[in-house]
Amino acid sequence: MRELGYQAHEFDGLGPDGSPARGTVWLKPEHGAWLRELRDRGAELVWGTSWGRVAVTWIAPRLGLPEFPVIEVPRRGPAFGWSSKIGPIQRWVGDRPLAWIDDQLGGKEPGWAEERRDDDIPTLIVQPHPGRGLERAHVEEILSWLTAARSCGAGGTPAP
């Protein structure tokens, strides 16, 4: 991970379920700058994670990010072709535009995104490689999408 620019951070505290947790968390400083850039271009940042509030109280400060909303999601992987995050994200986003960045999708999310686009709801799915994480090309794709979503006259704010 170091060769990709990630830095090791040792976590030793309470995990999302309230039990003691300890381990190395690899974070890439550029991710904070890139997410701030998306925010500065009008994106509403929301964290959909099983880490819960730990994500914004422990990870966000290490990336130079402010606290922002968290969508609580189940602590399990994809099932039956769907990410365990799909239900909570659907409830949160409603009919607003959405750019969803996730390295662990179930496979059916792109079809859901296409259905939303067919209903004139700007929707983008960005799936970074789990071994590399978010890359600058992903950010450029989202920045282009933000511009296009606004030029279409879409209501709401796309939310990566």
C-alpha atoms as a PDB file:
ATOM      1  CA  MET A   1       0.000   0.000   0.000  1.00  0.00           C
ATOM      2  CA  ARG A   2       2.877   2.375   0.691  1.00  0.00           C
ATOM      3  CA  GLU A   3       3.897   2.237  -2.971  1.00  0.00           C
ATOM      4  CA  LEU A   4       0.428   3.602  -3.839  1.00  0.00           C
ATOM      5  CA  GLY A   5       0.824   6.537  -1.433  1.00  0.00           C
ATOM      6  CA  TYR A   6      -1.090   5.098   1.513  1.00  0.00           C
ATOM      7  CA  GLN A   7       0.044   5.711   5.081  1.00  0.00           C
ATOM      8  CA  ALA A   8      -0.485   3.338   7.985  1.00  0.00           C
ATOM      9  CA  HIS A   9      -2.550   4.545  10.954  1.00  0.00           C
ATOM     10  CA  GLU A  10      -2.963   2.388  14.020  1.00  0.00           C
ATOM     11  CA  PHE A  11      -6.505   2.142  15.310  1.00  0.00           C
ATOM     12  CA  ASP A  12      -6.941   1.151  18.945  1.00  0.00           C
ATOM     13  CA  GLY A  13     -10.359   1.993  20.278  1.00  0.00           C
ATOM     14  CA  LEU A  14     -13.966   0.993  20.142  1.00  0.00           C
ATOM     15  CA  GLY A  15     -15.159  -0.375  16.837  1.00  0.00           C
ATOM     16  CA  PRO A  16     -18.525   0.418  15.284  1.00  0.00           C
ATOM     17  CA  ASP A  17     -20.224  -2.275  17.364  1.00  0.00           C
ATOM     18  CA  GLY A  18     -18.820  -0.830  20.605  1.00  0.00           C
ATOM     19  CA  SER A  19     -16.344  -3.626  21.231  1.00  0.00           C
ATOM     20  CA  PRO A  20     -12.578  -3.069  21.421  1.00  0.00           C
ATOM     21  CA  ALA A  21     -10.912  -3.025  18.009  1.00  0.00           C
ATOM     22  CA  ARG A  22      -7.297  -2.770  17.019  1.00  0.00           C
ATOM     23  CA  GLY A  23      -5.535  -2.783  13.657  1.00  0.00           C
ATOM     24  CA  THR A  24      -3.856  -0.898  10.867  1.00  0.00           C
ATOM     25  CA  VAL A  25      -5.962   1.394   8.707  1.00  0.00           C
ATOM     26  CA  TRP A  26      -4.339   2.474   5.433  1.00  0.00           C
ATOM     27  CA  LEU A  27      -5.262   6.004   4.349  1.00  0.00           C
ATOM     28  CA  LYS A  28      -4.099   8.041   1.377  1.00  0.00           C
ATOM     29  CA  PRO A  29      -3.706  11.775   2.126  1.00  0.00           C
ATOM     30  CA  GLU A  30      -4.734  12.734  -1.427  1.00  0.00           C
ATOM     31  CA  HIS A  31      -8.172  11.258  -0.793  1.00  0.00           C
ATOM     32  CA  GLY A  32      -8.945  14.045   1.651  1.00  0.00           C
ATOM     33  CA  ALA A  33      -7.920  16.718  -0.855  1.00  0.00           C
ATOM     34  CA  TRP A  34      -9.899  15.034  -3.634  1.00  0.00           C
ATOM     35  CA  LEU A  35     -13.043  14.735  -1.511  1.00  0.00           C
ATOM     36  CA  ARG A  36     -12.736  18.381  -0.439  1.00  0.00           C
ATOM     37  CA  GLU A  37     -12.464  19.279  -4.129  1.00  0.00           C
ATOM     38  CA  LEU A  38     -15.714  17.419  -4.845  1.00  0.00           C
ATOM     39  CA  ARG A  39     -17.375  19.171  -1.897  1.00  0.00           C
ATOM     40  CA  ASP A  40     -16.108  22.539  -3.134  1.00  0.00           C
ATOM     41  CA  ARG A  41     -17.700  21.810  -6.519  1.00  0.00           C
ATOM     42  CA  GLY A  42     -21.073  21.329  -4.833  1.00  0.00           C
ATOM     43  CA  ALA A  43     -21.173  17.645  -3.943  1.00  0.00           C
ATOM     44  CA  GLU A  44     -22.684  16.710  -0.604  1.00  0.00           C
ATOM     45  CA  LEU A  45     -20.373  14.201   1.054  1.00  0.00           C
ATOM     46  CA  VAL A  46     -22.044  11.379   2.970  1.00  0.00           C
ATOM     47  CA  TRP A  47     -20.356   8.267   4.288  1.00  0.00           C
ATOM     48  CA  GLY A  48     -22.242   4.971   3.792  1.00  0.00           C
ATOM     49  CA  THR A  49     -20.285   2.647   6.045  1.00  0.00           C
ATOM     50  CA  SER A  50     -20.526  -0.060   8.666  1.00  0.00           C
ATOM     51  CA  TRP A  51     -17.881   1.946  10.573  1.00  0.00           C
ATOM     52  CA  GLY A  52     -20.709   4.278  11.633  1.00  0.00           C
ATOM     53  CA  ARG A  53     -19.678   7.520  13.338  1.00  0.00           C
ATOM     54  CA  VAL A  54     -16.132   6.147  13.795  1.00  0.00           C
ATOM     55  CA  ALA A  55     -15.616   6.947  10.113  1.00  0.00           C
ATOM     56  CA  VAL A  56     -16.141  10.661  10.632  1.00  0.00           C
ATOM     57  CA  THR A  57     -14.622  10.957  14.083  1.00  0.00           C
ATOM     58  CA  TRP A  58     -11.490   8.880  13.466  1.00  0.00           C
ATOM     59  CA  ILE A  59     -10.874   8.572   9.704  1.00  0.00           C
ATOM     60  CA  ALA A  60     -12.080  11.984   8.470  1.00  0.00           C
ATOM     61  CA  PRO A  61      -9.703  14.033  10.675  1.00  0.00           C
ATOM     62  CA  ARG A  62      -6.743  11.990   9.429  1.00  0.00           C
ATOM     63  CA  LEU A  63      -7.701  12.976   5.890  1.00  0.00           C
ATOM     64  CA  GLY A  64      -8.313  16.623   6.766  1.00  0.00           C
ATOM     65  CA  LEU A  65     -12.056  16.257   6.268  1.00  0.00           C
ATOM     66  CA  PRO A  66     -14.805  17.796   8.362  1.00  0.00           C
ATOM     67  CA  GLU A  67     -17.448  15.630   9.988  1.00  0.00           C
ATOM     68  CA  PHE A  68     -20.303  14.849   7.631  1.00  0.00           C
ATOM     69  CA  PRO A  69     -23.413  12.655   7.693  1.00  0.00           C
ATOM     70  CA  VAL A  70     -23.165   8.877   7.920  1.00  0.00           C
ATOM     71  CA  ILE A  71     -25.577   6.386   6.408  1.00  0.00           C
ATOM     72  CA  GLU A  72     -25.512   3.388   8.737  1.00  0.00           C
ATOM     73  CA  VAL A  73     -25.224   0.171   6.712  1.00  0.00           C
ATOM     74  CA  PRO A  74     -25.086  -3.507   7.680  1.00  0.00           C
ATOM     75  CA  ARG A  75     -21.761  -5.194   8.395  1.00  0.00           C
ATOM     76  CA  ARG A  76     -21.887  -7.798   5.665  1.00  0.00           C
ATOM     77  CA  GLY A  77     -20.813  -8.195   2.076  1.00  0.00           C
ATOM     78  CA  PRO A  78     -22.957  -8.343  -1.042  1.00  0.00           C
ATOM     79  CA  ALA A  79     -25.764 -10.923  -1.262  1.00  0.00           C
ATOM     80  CA  PHE A  80     -27.910 -11.984  -4.185  1.00  0.00           C
ATOM     81  CA  GLY A  81     -26.135  -9.488  -6.424  1.00  0.00           C
ATOM     82  CA  TRP A  82     -26.742  -6.457  -4.209  1.00  0.00           C
ATOM     83  CA  SER A  83     -24.494  -4.493  -1.896  1.00  0.00           C
ATOM     84  CA  SER A  84     -25.738  -4.520   1.691  1.00  0.00           C
ATOM     85  CA  LYS A  85     -25.645  -0.717   1.377  1.00  0.00           C
ATOM     86  CA  ILE A  86     -28.303  -0.491  -1.348  1.00  0.00           C
ATOM     87  CA  GLY A  87     -31.360  -0.215   0.939  1.00  0.00           C
ATOM     88  CA  PRO A  88     -29.966   2.443   3.269  1.00  0.00           C
ATOM     89  CA  ILE A  89     -28.601   4.435   0.322  1.00  0.00           C
ATOM     90  CA  GLN A  90     -31.897   4.223  -1.574  1.00  0.00           C
ATOM     91  CA  ARG A  91     -33.776   5.488   1.479  1.00  0.00           C
ATOM     92  CA  TRP A  92     -31.315   8.329   2.019  1.00  0.00           C
ATOM     93  CA  VAL A  93     -31.019   9.548  -1.575  1.00  0.00           C
ATOM     94  CA  GLY A  94     -34.640   9.194  -2.723  1.00  0.00           C
ATOM     95  CA  ASP A  95     -34.949  10.827  -6.138  1.00  0.00           C
ATOM     96  CA  ARG A  96     -31.916  13.090  -5.766  1.00  0.00           C
ATOM     97  CA  PRO A  97     -28.878  12.786  -8.037  1.00  0.00           C
ATOM     98  CA  LEU A  98     -26.246  10.385  -6.736  1.00  0.00           C
ATOM     99  CA  ALA A  99     -22.604   9.556  -7.400  1.00  0.00           C
ATOM    100  CA  TRP A 100     -21.835   6.399  -5.402  1.00  0.00           C
ATOM    101  CA  ILE A 101     -18.185   5.450  -4.821  1.00  0.00           C
ATOM    102  CA  ASP A 102     -17.718   1.913  -3.480  1.00  0.00           C
ATOM    103  CA  ASP A 103     -15.135  -0.814  -3.942  1.00  0.00           C
ATOM    104  CA  GLN A 104     -17.494  -3.588  -2.866  1.00  0.00           C
ATOM    105  CA  LEU A 105     -20.682  -3.705  -4.899  1.00  0.00           C
ATOM    106  CA  GLY A 106     -22.867  -6.719  -5.543  1.00  0.00           C
ATOM    107  CA  GLY A 107     -23.159  -6.422  -9.324  1.00  0.00           C
ATOM    108  CA  LYS A 108     -26.762  -5.245  -9.765  1.00  0.00           C
ATOM    109  CA  GLU A 109     -26.152  -1.618  -8.766  1.00  0.00           C
ATOM    110  CA  PRO A 110     -25.228  -0.478 -12.308  1.00  0.00           C
ATOM    111  CA  GLY A 111     -28.639  -1.696 -13.538  1.00  0.00           C
ATOM    112  CA  TRP A 112     -30.330   0.220 -10.718  1.00  0.00           C
ATOM    113  CA  ALA A 113     -28.314   3.313 -11.695  1.00  0.00           C
ATOM    114  CA  GLU A 114     -29.400   2.885 -15.322  1.00  0.00           C
ATOM    115  CA  GLU A 115     -33.068   2.703 -14.256  1.00  0.00           C
ATOM    116  CA  ARG A 116     -32.622   5.931 -12.284  1.00  0.00           C
ATOM    117  CA  ARG A 117     -31.025   7.605 -15.321  1.00  0.00           C
ATOM    118  CA  ASP A 118     -33.952   6.393 -17.465  1.00  0.00           C
ATOM    119  CA  ASP A 119     -36.157   8.281 -14.980  1.00  0.00           C
ATOM    120  CA  ASP A 120     -33.995  11.405 -15.517  1.00  0.00           C
ATOM    121  CA  ILE A 121     -32.288  11.093 -12.131  1.00  0.00           C
ATOM    122  CA  PRO A 122     -28.547  11.615 -12.634  1.00  0.00           C
ATOM    123  CA  THR A 123     -26.785   8.589 -11.150  1.00  0.00           C
ATOM    124  CA  LEU A 124     -23.175   7.492 -11.352  1.00  0.00           C
ATOM    125  CA  ILE A 125     -21.588   4.348  -9.921  1.00  0.00           C
ATOM    126  CA  VAL A 126     -17.809   4.496  -9.415  1.00  0.00           C
ATOM    127  CA  GLN A 127     -16.165   1.246  -8.328  1.00  0.00           C
ATOM    128  CA  PRO A 128     -12.482   1.607  -7.458  1.00  0.00           C
ATOM    129  CA  HIS A 129     -10.337  -1.514  -7.472  1.00  0.00           C
ATOM    130  CA  PRO A 130     -10.233  -2.790  -3.851  1.00  0.00           C
ATOM    131  CA  GLY A 131      -6.444  -3.134  -3.977  1.00  0.00           C
ATOM    132  CA  ARG A 132      -5.832   0.410  -5.256  1.00  0.00           C
ATOM    133  CA  GLY A 133      -8.706   2.482  -3.914  1.00  0.00           C
ATOM    134  CA  LEU A 134      -9.914   5.825  -5.184  1.00  0.00           C
ATOM    135  CA  GLU A 135      -7.732   7.220  -7.962  1.00  0.00           C
ATOM    136  CA  ARG A 136      -7.548  10.645  -9.566  1.00  0.00           C
ATOM    137  CA  ALA A 137      -9.305   9.340 -12.704  1.00  0.00           C
ATOM    138  CA  HIS A 138     -12.356   8.499 -10.549  1.00  0.00           C
ATOM    139  CA  VAL A 139     -12.428  12.044  -9.197  1.00  0.00           C
ATOM    140  CA  GLU A 140     -12.192  13.473 -12.720  1.00  0.00           C
ATOM    141  CA  GLU A 141     -15.097  11.240 -13.769  1.00  0.00           C
ATOM    142  CA  ILE A 142     -17.201  12.547 -10.869  1.00  0.00           C
ATOM    143  CA  LEU A 143     -16.250  16.172 -11.552  1.00  0.00           C
ATOM    144  CA  SER A 144     -17.365  15.741 -15.183  1.00  0.00           C
ATOM    145  CA  TRP A 145     -20.553  14.069 -14.000  1.00  0.00           C
ATOM    146  CA  LEU A 146     -21.274  16.937 -11.579  1.00  0.00           C
ATOM    147  CA  THR A 147     -20.949  19.433 -14.424  1.00  0.00           C
ATOM    148  CA  ALA A 148     -23.183  17.360 -16.712  1.00  0.00           C
ATOM    149  CA  ALA A 149     -25.792  16.779 -13.996  1.00  0.00           C
ATOM    150  CA  ARG A 150     -26.043  20.501 -13.386  1.00  0.00           C
ATOM    151  CA  SER A 151     -26.214  21.368 -17.081  1.00  0.00           C
ATOM    152  CA  CYS A 152     -29.171  18.959 -17.453  1.00  0.00           C
ATOM    153  CA  GLY A 153     -31.064  21.068 -14.949  1.00  0.00           C
ATOM    154  CA  ALA A 154     -31.276  18.230 -12.450  1.00  0.00           C
ATOM    155  CA  GLY A 155     -32.609  19.190  -9.058  1.00  0.00           C
ATOM    156  CA  GLY A 156     -30.718  18.460  -5.881  1.00  0.00           C
ATOM    157  CA  THR A 157     -27.030  18.021  -5.363  1.00  0.00           C
ATOM    158  CA  PRO A 158     -25.170  14.931  -6.549  1.00  0.00           C
ATOM    159  CA  ALA A 159     -23.820  13.161  -3.490  1.00  0.00           C
ATOM    160  CA  PRO A 160     -20.670  11.055  -3.768  1.00  0.00           C
END
